Amino acid sequence: MNFEFHLSAFINAIVYAVLGVVILVVSFALWDKITPYDLWKEIVEKNNTALAIFAGLMALGIAIIVASAVH
């Protein structure tokens, strides 16, 4: 088995992964600020399952967009 380690490819992957996570967190926080209700309070205190599912799917959608843009 021929195993070659490419440092530049590894660094690029780490940079894009960190960049993708930062974009995901910032966009999710922005979405939370734009909405008229407190997302965390609605999900945890009021047990709003529909909102929790929607928030998870929204985060997944943003992650897919970021992943395709970075790829």
C-alpha atoms as a PDB file:
ATOM      1  CA  MET A   1       0.000   0.000   0.000  1.00  0.00           C
ATOM      2  CA  ASN A   2       1.441   3.340  -1.071  1.00  0.00           C
ATOM      3  CA  PHE A   3       0.584   6.040   1.443  1.00  0.00           C
ATOM      4  CA  GLU A   4       1.621   9.612   0.734  1.00  0.00           C
ATOM      5  CA  PHE A   5       0.873  12.469   3.078  1.00  0.00           C
ATOM      6  CA  HIS A   6       0.261  15.782   1.385  1.00  0.00           C
ATOM      7  CA  LEU A   7       0.578  18.527   3.969  1.00  0.00           C
ATOM      8  CA  SER A   8      -0.919  21.212   1.742  1.00  0.00           C
ATOM      9  CA  ALA A   9      -4.045  19.121   1.085  1.00  0.00           C
ATOM     10  CA  PHE A  10      -4.398  18.442   4.811  1.00  0.00           C
ATOM     11  CA  ILE A  11      -4.068  22.151   5.670  1.00  0.00           C
ATOM     12  CA  ASN A  12      -6.589  23.065   2.957  1.00  0.00           C
ATOM     13  CA  ALA A  13      -9.077  20.535   4.339  1.00  0.00           C
ATOM     14  CA  ILE A  14      -8.667  21.889   7.887  1.00  0.00           C
ATOM     15  CA  VAL A  15      -9.055  25.512   6.752  1.00  0.00           C
ATOM     16  CA  TYR A  16     -12.182  24.745   4.713  1.00  0.00           C
ATOM     17  CA  ALA A  17     -13.677  22.684   7.548  1.00  0.00           C
ATOM     18  CA  VAL A  18     -13.148  25.500  10.051  1.00  0.00           C
ATOM     19  CA  LEU A  19     -14.466  28.044   7.563  1.00  0.00           C
ATOM     20  CA  GLY A  20     -17.547  25.916   6.920  1.00  0.00           C
ATOM     21  CA  VAL A  21     -18.288  25.541  10.630  1.00  0.00           C
ATOM     22  CA  VAL A  22     -17.859  29.282  11.207  1.00  0.00           C
ATOM     23  CA  ILE A  23     -20.214  30.106   8.337  1.00  0.00           C
ATOM     24  CA  LEU A  24     -22.745  27.594   9.666  1.00  0.00           C
ATOM     25  CA  VAL A  25     -22.646  29.036  13.197  1.00  0.00           C
ATOM     26  CA  VAL A  26     -22.816  32.650  12.008  1.00  0.00           C
ATOM     27  CA  SER A  27     -25.720  31.991   9.657  1.00  0.00           C
ATOM     28  CA  PHE A  28     -27.599  30.057  12.344  1.00  0.00           C
ATOM     29  CA  ALA A  29     -27.034  32.863  14.862  1.00  0.00           C
ATOM     30  CA  LEU A  30     -28.171  35.418  12.278  1.00  0.00           C
ATOM     31  CA  TRP A  31     -31.308  33.399  11.605  1.00  0.00           C
ATOM     32  CA  ASP A  32     -31.971  33.267  15.361  1.00  0.00           C
ATOM     33  CA  LYS A  33     -31.632  37.075  15.610  1.00  0.00           C
ATOM     34  CA  ILE A  34     -33.915  37.718  12.630  1.00  0.00           C
ATOM     35  CA  THR A  35     -36.803  35.610  13.929  1.00  0.00           C
ATOM     36  CA  PRO A  36     -39.203  37.342  16.339  1.00  0.00           C
ATOM     37  CA  TYR A  37     -38.923  34.688  19.070  1.00  0.00           C
ATOM     38  CA  ASP A  38     -36.141  33.241  21.189  1.00  0.00           C
ATOM     39  CA  LEU A  39     -35.257  29.957  19.500  1.00  0.00           C
ATOM     40  CA  TRP A  40     -33.650  28.319  22.532  1.00  0.00           C
ATOM     41  CA  LYS A  41     -36.511  29.292  24.860  1.00  0.00           C
ATOM     42  CA  GLU A  42     -39.117  27.979  22.429  1.00  0.00           C
ATOM     43  CA  ILE A  43     -37.348  24.643  21.984  1.00  0.00           C
ATOM     44  CA  VAL A  44     -36.223  23.946  25.557  1.00  0.00           C
ATOM     45  CA  GLU A  45     -38.753  25.625  27.820  1.00  0.00           C
ATOM     46  CA  LYS A  46     -41.884  25.363  25.679  1.00  0.00           C
ATOM     47  CA  ASN A  47     -40.918  21.980  24.139  1.00  0.00           C
ATOM     48  CA  ASN A  48     -41.670  23.131  20.609  1.00  0.00           C
ATOM     49  CA  THR A  49     -40.748  19.972  18.703  1.00  0.00           C
ATOM     50  CA  ALA A  50     -41.778  21.344  15.324  1.00  0.00           C
ATOM     51  CA  LEU A  51     -39.443  24.308  15.739  1.00  0.00           C
ATOM     52  CA  ALA A  52     -36.618  22.003  16.835  1.00  0.00           C
ATOM     53  CA  ILE A  53     -37.077  19.870  13.723  1.00  0.00           C
ATOM     54  CA  PHE A  54     -37.222  22.971  11.539  1.00  0.00           C
ATOM     55  CA  ALA A  55     -34.068  24.421  13.155  1.00  0.00           C
ATOM     56  CA  GLY A  56     -32.225  21.146  12.632  1.00  0.00           C
ATOM     57  CA  LEU A  57     -33.264  20.950   9.008  1.00  0.00           C
ATOM     58  CA  MET A  58     -32.313  24.584   8.489  1.00  0.00           C
ATOM     59  CA  ALA A  59     -28.863  23.903   9.933  1.00  0.00           C
ATOM     60  CA  LEU A  60     -28.539  20.832   7.721  1.00  0.00           C
ATOM     61  CA  GLY A  61     -29.526  22.869   4.679  1.00  0.00           C
ATOM     62  CA  ILE A  62     -26.952  25.544   5.438  1.00  0.00           C
ATOM     63  CA  ALA A  63     -24.333  22.838   6.001  1.00  0.00           C
ATOM     64  CA  ILE A  64     -25.084  21.286   2.599  1.00  0.00           C
ATOM     65  CA  ILE A  65     -24.831  24.689   0.905  1.00  0.00           C
ATOM     66  CA  VAL A  66     -21.522  25.467   2.634  1.00  0.00           C
ATOM     67  CA  ALA A  67     -20.143  22.011   1.849  1.00  0.00           C
ATOM     68  CA  SER A  68     -21.002  22.296  -1.833  1.00  0.00           C
ATOM     69  CA  ALA A  69     -19.526  25.800  -2.005  1.00  0.00           C
ATOM     70  CA  VAL A  70     -16.300  24.677  -0.360  1.00  0.00           C
ATOM     71  CA  HIS A  71     -16.042  21.477  -2.371  1.00  0.00           C
END
